[in-house]
Amino acid sequence: MFRSLLARPEVTEVCEIRSTFGLMAFHGGNLERTTDVIAAEVAERTGSSFYGVIQAAPLRQHIPSTLFDPSHSDALGNFVGHVDTVIAIHGYGRDDRFWDVLLGGRNRDLASHIAGHLRDGLPDQYGIVDDLNEIPKDLRGQHRANPVNLPPQTGVQIELPPPIRWNKEATNWSDHEGTPRAPQVAMLIDVLTAAILSWD
């Protein structure tokens, strides 16, 4: 499924090698909108490496994270082989979790570090959830085949709800199809940048 996705003309794979800290958005573009923009800008600001799979409209093909196999992509293999710690940016939408930012993945120290920055830096309406027991099982990012867990120090899977990615005034997804950046997206990018730069 991963190989066939990459072969589609609407799909762009991006790999930018910088430091051994990495950011990923492999459900980017028209699928989990705004995630690739956030990951790419935070990576650039922090000198981190970046890997993205970006789908152009109207394509919206979702394949499970565990099927993003580095053996099926030289770019993903190079990325995973270079970084030692990673943050994967995802989007999700559930009525009972409409405002919650979920921090999964197997690097729980990094998850706690990022959660502290998010609580201090985002408006109060966003719930920051880094207790795995409070995160739905299918959004915890614990599977060892999930790319967020492949580097030596594993990483954090950040699931972003719709309100943090939506530009209310423009009535469209922030940074998508020419839509201006929403204030909370700019805030999120600043907070994640600070969290990474202060991570030892």
N, C-alpha and C. Protein backbone atom coordinates (compact mmCIF):
# COMPACT_ATOMS: atom_id res chain seq x y z
N MET A 1 0.82 -1.22 0.00
CA MET A 1 0.00 0.00 0.00
C MET A 1 0.86 1.27 0.00
N PHE A 2 1.95 1.24 0.76
CA PHE A 2 2.83 2.41 0.82
C PHE A 2 3.47 2.68 -0.53
N ARG A 3 4.01 1.64 -1.16
CA ARG A 3 4.63 1.81 -2.48
C ARG A 3 3.63 2.35 -3.49
N SER A 4 2.43 1.81 -3.48
CA SER A 4 1.43 2.25 -4.45
C SER A 4 0.99 3.68 -4.19
N LEU A 5 0.96 4.07 -2.93
CA LEU A 5 0.64 5.47 -2.61
C LEU A 5 1.70 6.40 -3.16
N LEU A 6 2.97 6.07 -2.93
CA LEU A 6 4.06 6.92 -3.41
C LEU A 6 4.11 7.01 -4.92
N ALA A 7 3.59 5.99 -5.60
CA ALA A 7 3.61 5.97 -7.07
C ALA A 7 2.56 6.87 -7.69
N ARG A 8 1.62 7.35 -6.89
CA ARG A 8 0.54 8.17 -7.44
C ARG A 8 1.05 9.57 -7.78
N PRO A 9 0.57 10.15 -8.88
CA PRO A 9 1.06 11.48 -9.28
C PRO A 9 0.65 12.60 -8.32
N GLU A 10 -0.40 12.36 -7.51
CA GLU A 10 -0.85 13.39 -6.57
C GLU A 10 -0.03 13.42 -5.28
N VAL A 11 0.94 12.51 -5.16
CA VAL A 11 1.68 12.37 -3.91
C VAL A 11 3.12 12.85 -4.07
N THR A 12 3.56 13.66 -3.13
CA THR A 12 4.94 14.14 -3.09
C THR A 12 5.59 13.65 -1.80
N GLU A 13 6.73 13.00 -1.93
CA GLU A 13 7.50 12.56 -0.76
C GLU A 13 8.65 13.54 -0.56
N VAL A 14 8.82 14.00 0.66
CA VAL A 14 9.84 15.00 0.98
C VAL A 14 10.75 14.45 2.08
N CYS A 15 12.05 14.56 1.87
CA CYS A 15 13.02 14.16 2.91
C CYS A 15 14.12 15.21 2.95
N GLU A 16 14.25 15.88 4.08
CA GLU A 16 15.27 16.90 4.27
C GLU A 16 16.12 16.51 5.47
N ILE A 17 17.37 16.16 5.21
CA ILE A 17 18.26 15.69 6.27
C ILE A 17 19.02 16.86 6.88
N ARG A 18 18.84 17.04 8.18
CA ARG A 18 19.57 18.07 8.92
C ARG A 18 20.15 17.40 10.19
N SER A 19 19.65 17.78 11.36
CA SER A 19 20.17 17.20 12.60
C SER A 19 19.61 15.80 12.84
N THR A 20 19.99 15.20 13.95
CA THR A 20 19.50 13.86 14.28
C THR A 20 18.17 13.89 15.02
N PHE A 21 17.62 15.07 15.23
CA PHE A 21 16.23 15.20 15.69
C PHE A 21 15.38 15.35 14.44
N GLY A 22 14.24 14.67 14.40
CA GLY A 22 13.43 14.71 13.19
C GLY A 22 11.97 15.02 13.45
N LEU A 23 11.32 15.56 12.43
CA LEU A 23 9.87 15.73 12.43
C LEU A 23 9.29 15.04 11.21
N MET A 24 8.10 14.48 11.38
CA MET A 24 7.45 13.74 10.32
C MET A 24 6.00 14.19 10.17
N ALA A 25 5.50 14.10 8.94
CA ALA A 25 4.08 14.31 8.65
C ALA A 25 3.76 13.45 7.44
N PHE A 26 3.55 12.17 7.66
CA PHE A 26 3.36 11.27 6.53
C PHE A 26 1.90 11.06 6.15
N HIS A 27 1.00 11.77 6.82
CA HIS A 27 -0.40 11.85 6.40
C HIS A 27 -0.72 13.30 6.02
N GLY A 28 0.22 13.96 5.34
CA GLY A 28 0.12 15.38 5.11
C GLY A 28 -0.68 15.78 3.89
N GLY A 29 -0.65 17.07 3.62
CA GLY A 29 -1.36 17.61 2.46
C GLY A 29 -2.87 17.60 2.65
N ASN A 30 -3.57 17.02 1.69
CA ASN A 30 -5.03 17.04 1.70
C ASN A 30 -5.65 16.00 2.62
N LEU A 31 -4.81 15.18 3.27
CA LEU A 31 -5.36 14.14 4.15
C LEU A 31 -5.57 14.69 5.56
N GLU A 32 -4.51 14.77 6.34
CA GLU A 32 -4.61 15.37 7.68
C GLU A 32 -4.04 16.79 7.56
N ARG A 33 -4.92 17.69 7.17
CA ARG A 33 -4.52 19.00 6.69
C ARG A 33 -3.78 19.83 7.74
N THR A 34 -2.80 20.55 7.25
CA THR A 34 -1.97 21.49 8.03
C THR A 34 -0.84 20.77 8.78
N THR A 35 -0.89 19.45 8.89
CA THR A 35 0.13 18.74 9.66
C THR A 35 1.51 18.87 9.03
N ASP A 36 1.59 18.77 7.71
CA ASP A 36 2.90 18.87 7.05
C ASP A 36 3.47 20.28 7.16
N VAL A 37 2.60 21.28 7.12
CA VAL A 37 3.06 22.67 7.24
C VAL A 37 3.70 22.90 8.61
N ILE A 38 3.02 22.42 9.65
CA ILE A 38 3.54 22.57 11.01
C ILE A 38 4.87 21.85 11.16
N ALA A 39 4.90 20.58 10.75
CA ALA A 39 6.12 19.79 10.92
C ALA A 39 7.29 20.38 10.13
N ALA A 40 7.03 20.79 8.90
CA ALA A 40 8.11 21.31 8.06
C ALA A 40 8.67 22.61 8.61
N GLU A 41 7.80 23.50 9.08
CA GLU A 41 8.30 24.79 9.58
C GLU A 41 9.04 24.63 10.90
N VAL A 42 8.53 23.77 11.79
CA VAL A 42 9.23 23.53 13.05
C VAL A 42 10.60 22.91 12.77
N ALA A 43 10.65 21.98 11.82
CA ALA A 43 11.93 21.37 11.46
C ALA A 43 12.92 22.41 10.95
N GLU A 44 12.45 23.29 10.09
CA GLU A 44 13.34 24.32 9.54
C GLU A 44 13.84 25.25 10.64
N ARG A 45 12.94 25.66 11.52
CA ARG A 45 13.32 26.61 12.58
C ARG A 45 14.32 26.01 13.56
N THR A 46 14.23 24.70 13.77
CA THR A 46 15.07 24.05 14.78
C THR A 46 16.28 23.34 14.19
N GLY A 47 16.41 23.38 12.87
CA GLY A 47 17.50 22.67 12.22
C GLY A 47 17.32 21.17 12.24
N SER A 48 16.08 20.72 12.40
CA SER A 48 15.78 19.29 12.47
C SER A 48 15.56 18.72 11.07
N SER A 49 15.68 17.42 10.96
CA SER A 49 15.36 16.74 9.72
C SER A 49 13.84 16.65 9.56
N PHE A 50 13.40 16.49 8.31
CA PHE A 50 11.96 16.44 8.04
C PHE A 50 11.65 15.37 7.01
N TYR A 51 10.59 14.61 7.28
CA TYR A 51 10.07 13.64 6.31
C TYR A 51 8.56 13.84 6.20
N GLY A 52 8.08 13.97 4.97
CA GLY A 52 6.65 14.13 4.76
C GLY A 52 6.16 13.39 3.53
N VAL A 53 4.93 12.95 3.60
CA VAL A 53 4.21 12.42 2.44
C VAL A 53 2.98 13.30 2.28
N ILE A 54 2.93 14.03 1.16
CA ILE A 54 1.95 15.10 0.99
C ILE A 54 1.04 14.76 -0.18
N GLN A 55 -0.25 14.66 0.12
CA GLN A 55 -1.24 14.32 -0.88
C GLN A 55 -1.91 15.60 -1.40
N ALA A 56 -1.96 15.73 -2.71
CA ALA A 56 -2.64 16.87 -3.32
C ALA A 56 -4.12 16.54 -3.51
N ALA A 57 -4.97 17.57 -3.42
CA ALA A 57 -6.40 17.38 -3.65
C ALA A 57 -6.63 16.89 -5.08
N PRO A 58 -7.64 16.04 -5.28
CA PRO A 58 -8.66 15.61 -4.31
C PRO A 58 -8.29 14.34 -3.56
N LEU A 59 -7.07 13.83 -3.72
CA LEU A 59 -6.71 12.56 -3.10
C LEU A 59 -6.75 12.66 -1.58
N ARG A 60 -7.36 11.65 -0.95
CA ARG A 60 -7.34 11.52 0.51
C ARG A 60 -7.29 10.04 0.84
N GLN A 61 -6.13 9.46 0.65
CA GLN A 61 -5.97 8.03 0.88
C GLN A 61 -5.22 7.80 2.19
N HIS A 62 -5.89 7.18 3.13
CA HIS A 62 -5.28 6.92 4.44
C HIS A 62 -4.80 5.48 4.51
N ILE A 63 -3.52 5.32 4.81
CA ILE A 63 -3.01 3.99 5.12
C ILE A 63 -2.44 4.03 6.54
N PRO A 64 -2.56 2.94 7.27
CA PRO A 64 -2.12 2.94 8.67
C PRO A 64 -0.64 3.29 8.81
N SER A 65 -0.31 3.92 9.91
CA SER A 65 1.08 4.32 10.15
C SER A 65 2.02 3.13 10.10
N THR A 66 1.57 1.99 10.59
CA THR A 66 2.44 0.81 10.65
C THR A 66 2.82 0.27 9.28
N LEU A 67 2.15 0.74 8.22
CA LEU A 67 2.48 0.28 6.87
C LEU A 67 3.49 1.19 6.18
N PHE A 68 3.91 2.26 6.83
CA PHE A 68 4.96 3.12 6.28
C PHE A 68 6.30 2.46 6.60
N ASP A 69 6.68 1.53 5.75
CA ASP A 69 7.83 0.67 5.97
C ASP A 69 9.06 1.27 5.29
N PRO A 70 10.13 1.55 6.05
CA PRO A 70 11.35 2.13 5.44
C PRO A 70 11.94 1.28 4.33
N SER A 71 11.68 -0.02 4.33
CA SER A 71 12.22 -0.87 3.27
C SER A 71 11.50 -0.64 1.94
N HIS A 72 10.40 0.10 1.97
CA HIS A 72 9.63 0.39 0.76
C HIS A 72 9.90 1.79 0.21
N SER A 73 10.79 2.54 0.87
CA SER A 73 11.09 3.91 0.44
C SER A 73 12.52 4.26 0.83
N ASP A 74 13.35 4.60 -0.15
CA ASP A 74 14.72 5.01 0.15
C ASP A 74 14.73 6.27 1.01
N ALA A 75 13.81 7.19 0.73
CA ALA A 75 13.77 8.46 1.49
C ALA A 75 13.44 8.20 2.95
N LEU A 76 12.41 7.39 3.21
CA LEU A 76 12.05 7.09 4.59
C LEU A 76 13.16 6.29 5.27
N GLY A 77 13.78 5.36 4.54
CA GLY A 77 14.89 4.60 5.09
C GLY A 77 16.05 5.49 5.47
N ASN A 78 16.38 6.47 4.63
CA ASN A 78 17.46 7.41 4.92
C ASN A 78 17.13 8.26 6.14
N PHE A 79 15.88 8.70 6.21
CA PHE A 79 15.45 9.54 7.33
C PHE A 79 15.55 8.77 8.64
N VAL A 80 14.93 7.60 8.69
CA VAL A 80 14.92 6.80 9.92
C VAL A 80 16.33 6.38 10.31
N GLY A 81 17.19 6.13 9.32
CA GLY A 81 18.56 5.76 9.61
C GLY A 81 19.41 6.90 10.12
N HIS A 82 18.96 8.13 9.90
CA HIS A 82 19.74 9.31 10.30
C HIS A 82 19.33 9.85 11.67
N VAL A 83 18.03 9.92 11.95
CA VAL A 83 17.56 10.55 13.19
C VAL A 83 17.64 9.57 14.36
N ASP A 84 17.72 10.13 15.56
CA ASP A 84 17.66 9.27 16.74
C ASP A 84 16.42 9.53 17.59
N THR A 85 15.75 10.66 17.35
CA THR A 85 14.53 11.03 18.07
C THR A 85 13.61 11.73 17.08
N VAL A 86 12.30 11.53 17.22
CA VAL A 86 11.40 12.09 16.22
C VAL A 86 10.06 12.51 16.83
N ILE A 87 9.46 13.50 16.21
CA ILE A 87 8.08 13.89 16.51
C ILE A 87 7.28 13.71 15.22
N ALA A 88 6.19 12.97 15.30
CA ALA A 88 5.29 12.79 14.16
C ALA A 88 4.03 13.60 14.40
N ILE A 89 3.68 14.46 13.45
CA ILE A 89 2.50 15.31 13.55
C ILE A 89 1.36 14.69 12.76
N HIS A 90 0.24 14.47 13.44
CA HIS A 90 -0.95 13.89 12.83
C HIS A 90 -2.16 14.78 13.12
N GLY A 91 -3.23 14.55 12.39
CA GLY A 91 -4.51 15.19 12.68
C GLY A 91 -5.56 14.12 12.90
N TYR A 92 -6.52 14.43 13.77
CA TYR A 92 -7.62 13.51 14.01
C TYR A 92 -8.85 14.32 14.34
N GLY A 93 -10.00 13.65 14.34
CA GLY A 93 -11.24 14.34 14.69
C GLY A 93 -12.23 13.40 15.35
N ARG A 94 -12.59 13.71 16.59
CA ARG A 94 -13.58 12.93 17.33
C ARG A 94 -14.43 13.89 18.15
N ASP A 95 -15.73 13.67 18.15
CA ASP A 95 -16.63 14.59 18.84
C ASP A 95 -16.33 14.68 20.33
N ASP A 96 -15.91 13.57 20.94
CA ASP A 96 -15.65 13.58 22.38
C ASP A 96 -14.24 14.05 22.72
N ARG A 97 -13.46 14.37 21.70
CA ARG A 97 -12.09 14.85 21.92
C ARG A 97 -11.82 16.08 21.05
N PHE A 98 -12.81 16.91 20.90
CA PHE A 98 -12.77 17.96 19.89
C PHE A 98 -11.67 18.98 20.14
N TRP A 99 -11.24 19.15 21.40
CA TRP A 99 -10.24 20.16 21.73
C TRP A 99 -8.94 19.58 22.27
N ASP A 100 -8.83 18.26 22.28
CA ASP A 100 -7.68 17.63 22.93
C ASP A 100 -6.51 17.40 21.98
N VAL A 101 -5.32 17.82 22.42
CA VAL A 101 -4.06 17.49 21.74
C VAL A 101 -3.50 16.26 22.45
N LEU A 102 -3.31 15.18 21.70
CA LEU A 102 -2.91 13.91 22.29
C LEU A 102 -1.43 13.64 22.01
N LEU A 103 -0.69 13.25 23.03
CA LEU A 103 0.74 12.98 22.88
C LEU A 103 1.02 11.51 23.17
N GLY A 104 1.11 10.74 22.08
CA GLY A 104 1.43 9.33 22.18
C GLY A 104 2.89 9.08 21.83
N GLY A 105 3.17 7.88 21.33
CA GLY A 105 4.54 7.50 21.04
C GLY A 105 5.23 6.90 22.25
N ARG A 106 6.38 6.28 22.04
CA ARG A 106 7.05 5.52 23.10
C ARG A 106 8.06 6.33 23.91
N ASN A 107 8.41 7.52 23.47
CA ASN A 107 9.34 8.36 24.24
C ASN A 107 8.53 9.23 25.20
N ARG A 108 8.28 8.68 26.39
CA ARG A 108 7.38 9.36 27.32
C ARG A 108 8.05 10.57 28.00
N ASP A 109 9.37 10.55 28.13
CA ASP A 109 10.04 11.73 28.69
C ASP A 109 9.88 12.93 27.76
N LEU A 110 10.05 12.71 26.47
CA LEU A 110 9.88 13.79 25.51
C LEU A 110 8.42 14.22 25.45
N ALA A 111 7.50 13.27 25.55
CA ALA A 111 6.07 13.61 25.55
C ALA A 111 5.74 14.53 26.72
N SER A 112 6.27 14.21 27.89
CA SER A 112 6.02 15.04 29.07
C SER A 112 6.64 16.43 28.91
N HIS A 113 7.82 16.48 28.34
CA HIS A 113 8.50 17.77 28.10
C HIS A 113 7.68 18.64 27.15
N ILE A 114 7.22 18.06 26.06
CA ILE A 114 6.42 18.82 25.09
C ILE A 114 5.10 19.24 25.71
N ALA A 115 4.48 18.33 26.48
CA ALA A 115 3.19 18.64 27.11
C ALA A 115 3.29 19.87 28.01
N GLY A 116 4.38 19.98 28.75
CA GLY A 116 4.56 21.14 29.61
C GLY A 116 4.62 22.43 28.82
N HIS A 117 5.32 22.41 27.70
CA HIS A 117 5.39 23.60 26.84
C HIS A 117 4.03 23.93 26.25
N LEU A 118 3.28 22.91 25.83
CA LEU A 118 1.96 23.14 25.24
C LEU A 118 1.00 23.72 26.26
N ARG A 119 1.05 23.21 27.48
CA ARG A 119 0.15 23.73 28.52
C ARG A 119 0.45 25.19 28.83
N ASP A 120 1.72 25.55 28.80
CA ASP A 120 2.10 26.94 29.08
C ASP A 120 1.85 27.87 27.90
N GLY A 121 1.90 27.32 26.67
CA GLY A 121 1.93 28.19 25.50
C GLY A 121 0.66 28.25 24.67
N LEU A 122 -0.28 27.32 24.90
CA LEU A 122 -1.52 27.33 24.11
C LEU A 122 -2.69 27.85 24.94
N PRO A 123 -3.72 28.38 24.29
CA PRO A 123 -4.91 28.83 25.03
C PRO A 123 -5.53 27.71 25.86
N ASP A 124 -6.22 28.08 26.92
CA ASP A 124 -6.73 27.12 27.89
C ASP A 124 -7.77 26.15 27.33
N GLN A 125 -8.42 26.50 26.21
CA GLN A 125 -9.46 25.61 25.71
C GLN A 125 -8.92 24.30 25.16
N TYR A 126 -7.61 24.27 24.89
CA TYR A 126 -7.01 23.03 24.39
C TYR A 126 -6.59 22.15 25.55
N GLY A 127 -7.08 20.93 25.53
CA GLY A 127 -6.65 19.96 26.53
C GLY A 127 -5.39 19.27 26.06
N ILE A 128 -4.37 19.20 26.90
CA ILE A 128 -3.10 18.56 26.55
C ILE A 128 -3.05 17.23 27.29
N VAL A 129 -3.11 16.13 26.55
CA VAL A 129 -3.24 14.80 27.14
C VAL A 129 -1.97 14.00 26.86
N ASP A 130 -1.17 13.77 27.90
CA ASP A 130 0.04 12.96 27.73
C ASP A 130 0.03 11.70 28.60
N ASP A 131 -1.06 11.44 29.28
CA ASP A 131 -1.25 10.19 30.02
C ASP A 131 -1.79 9.15 29.03
N LEU A 132 -1.00 8.12 28.75
CA LEU A 132 -1.41 7.13 27.75
C LEU A 132 -2.75 6.49 28.09
N ASN A 133 -3.04 6.34 29.37
CA ASN A 133 -4.31 5.73 29.77
C ASN A 133 -5.51 6.59 29.39
N GLU A 134 -5.28 7.87 29.16
CA GLU A 134 -6.36 8.79 28.79
C GLU A 134 -6.48 8.98 27.29
N ILE A 135 -5.58 8.35 26.52
CA ILE A 135 -5.59 8.47 25.07
C ILE A 135 -6.24 7.23 24.48
N PRO A 136 -7.17 7.38 23.53
CA PRO A 136 -7.75 6.19 22.88
C PRO A 136 -6.66 5.26 22.36
N LYS A 137 -6.87 3.96 22.52
CA LYS A 137 -5.82 2.99 22.21
C LYS A 137 -5.29 3.12 20.79
N ASP A 138 -6.16 3.40 19.83
CA ASP A 138 -5.73 3.47 18.44
C ASP A 138 -5.02 4.77 18.10
N LEU A 139 -4.91 5.68 19.05
CA LEU A 139 -4.21 6.94 18.84
C LEU A 139 -2.97 7.08 19.72
N ARG A 140 -2.58 6.01 20.38
CA ARG A 140 -1.46 6.07 21.32
C ARG A 140 -0.10 5.99 20.64
N GLY A 141 -0.03 5.47 19.43
CA GLY A 141 1.24 5.38 18.72
C GLY A 141 2.25 4.50 19.41
N GLN A 142 1.82 3.33 19.88
CA GLN A 142 2.71 2.46 20.64
C GLN A 142 3.29 1.30 19.84
N HIS A 143 2.75 1.04 18.66
CA HIS A 143 3.22 -0.10 17.88
C HIS A 143 4.67 0.11 17.44
N ARG A 144 5.50 -0.92 17.60
CA ARG A 144 6.92 -0.78 17.28
C ARG A 144 7.17 -0.53 15.80
N ALA A 145 6.22 -0.92 14.93
CA ALA A 145 6.39 -0.70 13.48
C ALA A 145 5.98 0.70 13.06
N ASN A 146 5.37 1.46 13.95
CA ASN A 146 5.01 2.85 13.66
C ASN A 146 6.31 3.64 13.48
N PRO A 147 6.46 4.39 12.38
CA PRO A 147 7.71 5.14 12.16
C PRO A 147 8.14 6.02 13.32
N VAL A 148 7.21 6.48 14.14
CA VAL A 148 7.59 7.33 15.27
C VAL A 148 8.41 6.55 16.29
N ASN A 149 8.35 5.24 16.25
CA ASN A 149 9.07 4.41 17.22
C ASN A 149 10.29 3.70 16.63
N LEU A 150 10.64 3.98 15.39
CA LEU A 150 11.76 3.28 14.75
C LEU A 150 13.14 3.84 15.11
N PRO A 151 13.31 5.15 15.30
CA PRO A 151 14.64 5.64 15.67
C PRO A 151 15.09 5.11 17.04
N PRO A 152 16.38 5.14 17.32
CA PRO A 152 16.91 4.57 18.58
C PRO A 152 16.24 5.11 19.84
N GLN A 153 15.94 6.42 19.87
CA GLN A 153 15.31 7.01 21.05
C GLN A 153 13.79 7.13 20.89
N THR A 154 13.25 6.51 19.88
CA THR A 154 11.82 6.54 19.54
C THR A 154 11.34 8.00 19.43
N GLY A 155 10.07 8.27 19.79
CA GLY A 155 9.58 9.63 19.61
C GLY A 155 8.19 9.83 20.15
N VAL A 156 7.58 10.94 19.74
CA VAL A 156 6.26 11.35 20.21
C VAL A 156 5.34 11.53 19.02
N GLN A 157 4.17 10.93 19.11
CA GLN A 157 3.13 11.11 18.10
C GLN A 157 2.14 12.14 18.61
N ILE A 158 2.07 13.28 17.94
CA ILE A 158 1.16 14.36 18.35
C ILE A 158 -0.06 14.35 17.43
N GLU A 159 -1.22 14.12 18.04
CA GLU A 159 -2.49 14.13 17.31
C GLU A 159 -3.18 15.47 17.56
N LEU A 160 -3.40 16.21 16.48
CA LEU A 160 -3.99 17.55 16.58
C LEU A 160 -5.46 17.52 16.19
N PRO A 161 -6.35 18.08 17.04
CA PRO A 161 -7.77 18.11 16.72
C PRO A 161 -8.09 19.19 15.69
N PRO A 162 -9.28 19.15 15.11
CA PRO A 162 -9.63 20.14 14.07
C PRO A 162 -9.50 21.60 14.49
N PRO A 163 -9.96 22.03 15.68
CA PRO A 163 -9.93 23.47 15.97
C PRO A 163 -8.55 24.10 15.93
N ILE A 164 -7.51 23.33 16.24
CA ILE A 164 -6.18 23.93 16.25
C ILE A 164 -5.62 24.07 14.84
N ARG A 165 -6.21 23.35 13.88
CA ARG A 165 -5.74 23.40 12.49
C ARG A 165 -6.66 24.23 11.59
N TRP A 166 -7.77 24.73 12.11
CA TRP A 166 -8.80 25.39 11.33
C TRP A 166 -8.68 26.91 11.46
N ASN A 167 -8.79 27.60 10.33
CA ASN A 167 -8.84 29.06 10.36
C ASN A 167 -10.31 29.46 10.36
N LYS A 168 -10.79 29.87 11.52
CA LYS A 168 -12.22 30.16 11.69
C LYS A 168 -12.66 31.32 10.81
N GLU A 169 -11.87 32.36 10.73
CA GLU A 169 -12.25 33.53 9.96
C GLU A 169 -12.27 33.25 8.47
N ALA A 170 -11.37 32.40 8.01
CA ALA A 170 -11.29 32.08 6.58
C ALA A 170 -12.15 30.87 6.22
N THR A 171 -12.73 30.22 7.24
CA THR A 171 -13.56 29.01 7.07
C THR A 171 -12.88 27.97 6.18
N ASN A 172 -11.62 27.70 6.49
CA ASN A 172 -10.89 26.64 5.80
C ASN A 172 -9.71 26.24 6.69
N TRP A 173 -9.05 25.16 6.32
CA TRP A 173 -7.90 24.71 7.07
C TRP A 173 -6.75 25.70 6.92
N SER A 174 -6.10 26.01 8.00
CA SER A 174 -4.98 26.94 8.00
C SER A 174 -3.89 26.48 7.04
N ASP A 175 -3.32 27.42 6.28
CA ASP A 175 -2.20 27.14 5.38
C ASP A 175 -2.55 26.13 4.30
N HIS A 176 -3.82 26.00 3.96
CA HIS A 176 -4.27 25.00 2.98
C HIS A 176 -5.03 25.70 1.86
N GLU A 177 -4.62 25.43 0.63
CA GLU A 177 -5.29 26.02 -0.55
C GLU A 177 -5.29 27.54 -0.49
N GLY A 178 -4.19 28.11 -0.04
CA GLY A 178 -4.06 29.56 0.01
C GLY A 178 -4.68 30.22 1.22
N THR A 179 -5.20 29.44 2.15
CA THR A 179 -5.80 30.00 3.36
C THR A 179 -4.72 30.58 4.26
N PRO A 180 -4.93 31.78 4.81
CA PRO A 180 -3.92 32.36 5.70
C PRO A 180 -3.71 31.51 6.95
N ARG A 181 -2.61 31.76 7.60
CA ARG A 181 -2.28 31.03 8.84
C ARG A 181 -3.18 31.48 9.98
N ALA A 182 -3.74 30.51 10.68
CA ALA A 182 -4.56 30.80 11.85
C ALA A 182 -3.65 31.16 13.03
N PRO A 183 -4.10 32.06 13.92
CA PRO A 183 -3.24 32.48 15.04
C PRO A 183 -2.78 31.32 15.90
N GLN A 184 -3.66 30.34 16.14
CA GLN A 184 -3.28 29.22 17.01
C GLN A 184 -2.27 28.29 16.34
N VAL A 185 -2.24 28.25 15.01
CA VAL A 185 -1.23 27.46 14.31
C VAL A 185 0.14 28.12 14.48
N ALA A 186 0.19 29.44 14.33
CA ALA A 186 1.44 30.17 14.55
C ALA A 186 1.93 29.96 15.98
N MET A 187 0.99 29.97 16.94
CA MET A 187 1.33 29.76 18.33
C MET A 187 1.90 28.35 18.56
N LEU A 188 1.25 27.37 17.94
CA LEU A 188 1.68 25.98 18.08
C LEU A 188 3.09 25.79 17.52
N ILE A 189 3.36 26.38 16.38
CA ILE A 189 4.69 26.27 15.78
C ILE A 189 5.73 26.89 16.70
N ASP A 190 5.43 28.04 17.28
CA ASP A 190 6.36 28.68 18.22
C ASP A 190 6.62 27.78 19.43
N VAL A 191 5.56 27.20 19.97
CA VAL A 191 5.69 26.37 21.18
C VAL A 191 6.50 25.11 20.90
N LEU A 192 6.22 24.43 19.79
CA LEU A 192 6.97 23.22 19.46
C LEU A 192 8.43 23.54 19.18
N THR A 193 8.67 24.67 18.54
CA THR A 193 10.05 25.09 18.30
C THR A 193 10.80 25.27 19.62
N ALA A 194 10.17 25.96 20.56
CA ALA A 194 10.80 26.18 21.87
C ALA A 194 11.02 24.86 22.61
N ALA A 195 10.07 23.95 22.50
CA ALA A 195 10.19 22.67 23.19
C ALA A 195 11.38 21.87 22.67
N ILE A 196 11.55 21.86 21.35
CA ILE A 196 12.66 21.11 20.75
C ILE A 196 14.00 21.76 21.08
N LEU A 197 14.06 23.08 20.99
CA LEU A 197 15.32 23.77 21.26
C LEU A 197 15.76 23.63 22.71
N SER A 198 14.81 23.39 23.61
CA SER A 198 15.16 23.23 25.03
C SER A 198 15.28 21.77 25.45
N TRP A 199 15.10 20.86 24.50
CA TRP A 199 15.21 19.42 24.80
C TRP A 199 16.68 19.01 24.81
N ASP A 200 17.12 18.36 25.88
CA ASP A 200 18.51 17.93 25.99
C ASP A 200 18.62 16.51 25.45
